[in-house]
Amino acid sequence: MGTTLTGVPEEGVEPGCMILKDKGQTYLLVGGDETLIKSGRTVTVTGRARNDMVTTCMQGTPFEVTEVRLA
């Protein structure tokens, strides 16, 4: 079982990077259903933080998404 986050994803400072703020933390969403993530609506994502993952995005802790659903 993974961690669950809820919020409205927004575009990061780098093109193609989507971030989600939950409980004062900023996460970089990696994977998941992009149509739901980019919907502009509140979503609940399940997955796990990946501090070992290297990305080209300049914001947030990488969060590997395994499930996305509209909240």
C-alpha atoms as a PDB file:
ATOM      1  CA  MET A   1       0.000   0.000   0.000  1.00  0.00           C
ATOM      2  CA  GLY A   2       1.240   3.485  -0.826  1.00  0.00           C
ATOM      3  CA  THR A   3       0.795   7.023   0.336  1.00  0.00           C
ATOM      4  CA  THR A   4      -2.334   8.983  -0.620  1.00  0.00           C
ATOM      5  CA  LEU A   5      -2.263  12.694  -1.507  1.00  0.00           C
ATOM      6  CA  THR A   6      -5.171  14.985  -2.399  1.00  0.00           C
ATOM      7  CA  GLY A   7      -5.116  18.371  -4.101  1.00  0.00           C
ATOM      8  CA  VAL A   8      -5.348  20.242  -7.386  1.00  0.00           C
ATOM      9  CA  PRO A   9      -2.335  19.559  -9.625  1.00  0.00           C
ATOM     10  CA  GLU A  10      -0.709  22.574 -11.244  1.00  0.00           C
ATOM     11  CA  GLU A  11       1.974  23.107 -13.830  1.00  0.00           C
ATOM     12  CA  GLY A  12       5.457  23.472 -12.435  1.00  0.00           C
ATOM     13  CA  VAL A  13       8.086  25.968 -13.547  1.00  0.00           C
ATOM     14  CA  GLU A  14       9.447  23.519 -16.123  1.00  0.00           C
ATOM     15  CA  PRO A  15       7.339  22.422 -19.136  1.00  0.00           C
ATOM     16  CA  GLY A  16       5.647  19.056 -18.655  1.00  0.00           C
ATOM     17  CA  CYS A  17       6.091  19.025 -14.886  1.00  0.00           C
ATOM     18  CA  MET A  18       2.966  18.687 -12.726  1.00  0.00           C
ATOM     19  CA  ILE A  19       3.125  19.392  -9.018  1.00  0.00           C
ATOM     20  CA  LEU A  20       0.691  18.747  -6.193  1.00  0.00           C
ATOM     21  CA  LYS A  21       0.725  20.449  -2.799  1.00  0.00           C
ATOM     22  CA  ASP A  22      -0.555  18.408   0.136  1.00  0.00           C
ATOM     23  CA  LYS A  23      -0.180  19.179   3.855  1.00  0.00           C
ATOM     24  CA  GLY A  24       2.505  21.817   3.257  1.00  0.00           C
ATOM     25  CA  GLN A  25       4.638  19.565   1.037  1.00  0.00           C
ATOM     26  CA  THR A  26       5.181  19.937  -2.701  1.00  0.00           C
ATOM     27  CA  TYR A  27       5.318  16.779  -4.803  1.00  0.00           C
ATOM     28  CA  LEU A  28       6.285  16.269  -8.432  1.00  0.00           C
ATOM     29  CA  LEU A  29       3.806  13.807  -9.941  1.00  0.00           C
ATOM     30  CA  VAL A  30       5.490  11.111 -12.022  1.00  0.00           C
ATOM     31  CA  GLY A  31       3.269   8.724 -13.988  1.00  0.00           C
ATOM     32  CA  GLY A  32      -0.459   8.229 -13.585  1.00  0.00           C
ATOM     33  CA  ASP A  33      -3.352   9.107 -15.883  1.00  0.00           C
ATOM     34  CA  GLU A  34      -2.336  12.466 -17.360  1.00  0.00           C
ATOM     35  CA  THR A  35      -5.889  13.295 -18.463  1.00  0.00           C
ATOM     36  CA  LEU A  36      -7.033  13.211 -14.839  1.00  0.00           C
ATOM     37  CA  ILE A  37      -3.920  14.913 -13.482  1.00  0.00           C
ATOM     38  CA  LYS A  38      -4.234  17.786 -15.986  1.00  0.00           C
ATOM     39  CA  SER A  39      -8.012  18.142 -15.544  1.00  0.00           C
ATOM     40  CA  GLY A  40      -7.743  21.183 -13.267  1.00  0.00           C
ATOM     41  CA  ARG A  41      -9.874  19.364 -10.712  1.00  0.00           C
ATOM     42  CA  THR A  42      -9.104  17.997  -7.250  1.00  0.00           C
ATOM     43  CA  VAL A  43      -7.580  14.526  -7.494  1.00  0.00           C
ATOM     44  CA  THR A  44      -6.488  11.844  -5.081  1.00  0.00           C
ATOM     45  CA  VAL A  45      -3.268  10.092  -6.065  1.00  0.00           C
ATOM     46  CA  THR A  46      -1.750   6.991  -4.547  1.00  0.00           C
ATOM     47  CA  GLY A  47       1.896   6.038  -4.860  1.00  0.00           C
ATOM     48  CA  ARG A  48       5.169   6.657  -3.100  1.00  0.00           C
ATOM     49  CA  ALA A  49       7.736   9.404  -2.693  1.00  0.00           C
ATOM     50  CA  ARG A  50      10.965   8.643  -4.549  1.00  0.00           C
ATOM     51  CA  ASN A  51      13.827  10.637  -3.065  1.00  0.00           C
ATOM     52  CA  ASP A  52      16.198   8.507  -5.153  1.00  0.00           C
ATOM     53  CA  MET A  53      14.635   9.601  -8.487  1.00  0.00           C
ATOM     54  CA  VAL A  54      16.398  12.214 -10.629  1.00  0.00           C
ATOM     55  CA  THR A  55      14.212  14.508 -12.760  1.00  0.00           C
ATOM     56  CA  THR A  56      14.618  17.644 -14.866  1.00  0.00           C
ATOM     57  CA  CYS A  57      11.867  19.371 -12.902  1.00  0.00           C
ATOM     58  CA  MET A  58      12.978  21.924 -10.357  1.00  0.00           C
ATOM     59  CA  GLN A  59      10.150  21.582  -7.847  1.00  0.00           C
ATOM     60  CA  GLY A  60       8.911  19.060  -5.362  1.00  0.00           C
ATOM     61  CA  THR A  61       9.768  15.605  -4.184  1.00  0.00           C
ATOM     62  CA  PRO A  62       9.247  13.060  -6.985  1.00  0.00           C
ATOM     63  CA  PHE A  63       6.096  11.045  -6.279  1.00  0.00           C
ATOM     64  CA  GLU A  64       5.609   7.894  -8.367  1.00  0.00           C
ATOM     65  CA  VAL A  65       1.854   7.671  -9.013  1.00  0.00           C
ATOM     66  CA  THR A  66       0.236   4.230  -9.184  1.00  0.00           C
ATOM     67  CA  GLU A  67      -3.419   5.363  -9.089  1.00  0.00           C
ATOM     68  CA  VAL A  68      -5.318   8.584  -9.811  1.00  0.00           C
ATOM     69  CA  ARG A  69      -8.978   9.327  -9.178  1.00  0.00           C
ATOM     70  CA  LEU A  70     -11.085  12.471  -9.090  1.00  0.00           C
ATOM     71  CA  ALA A  71     -11.822  13.484  -5.512  1.00  0.00           C
END
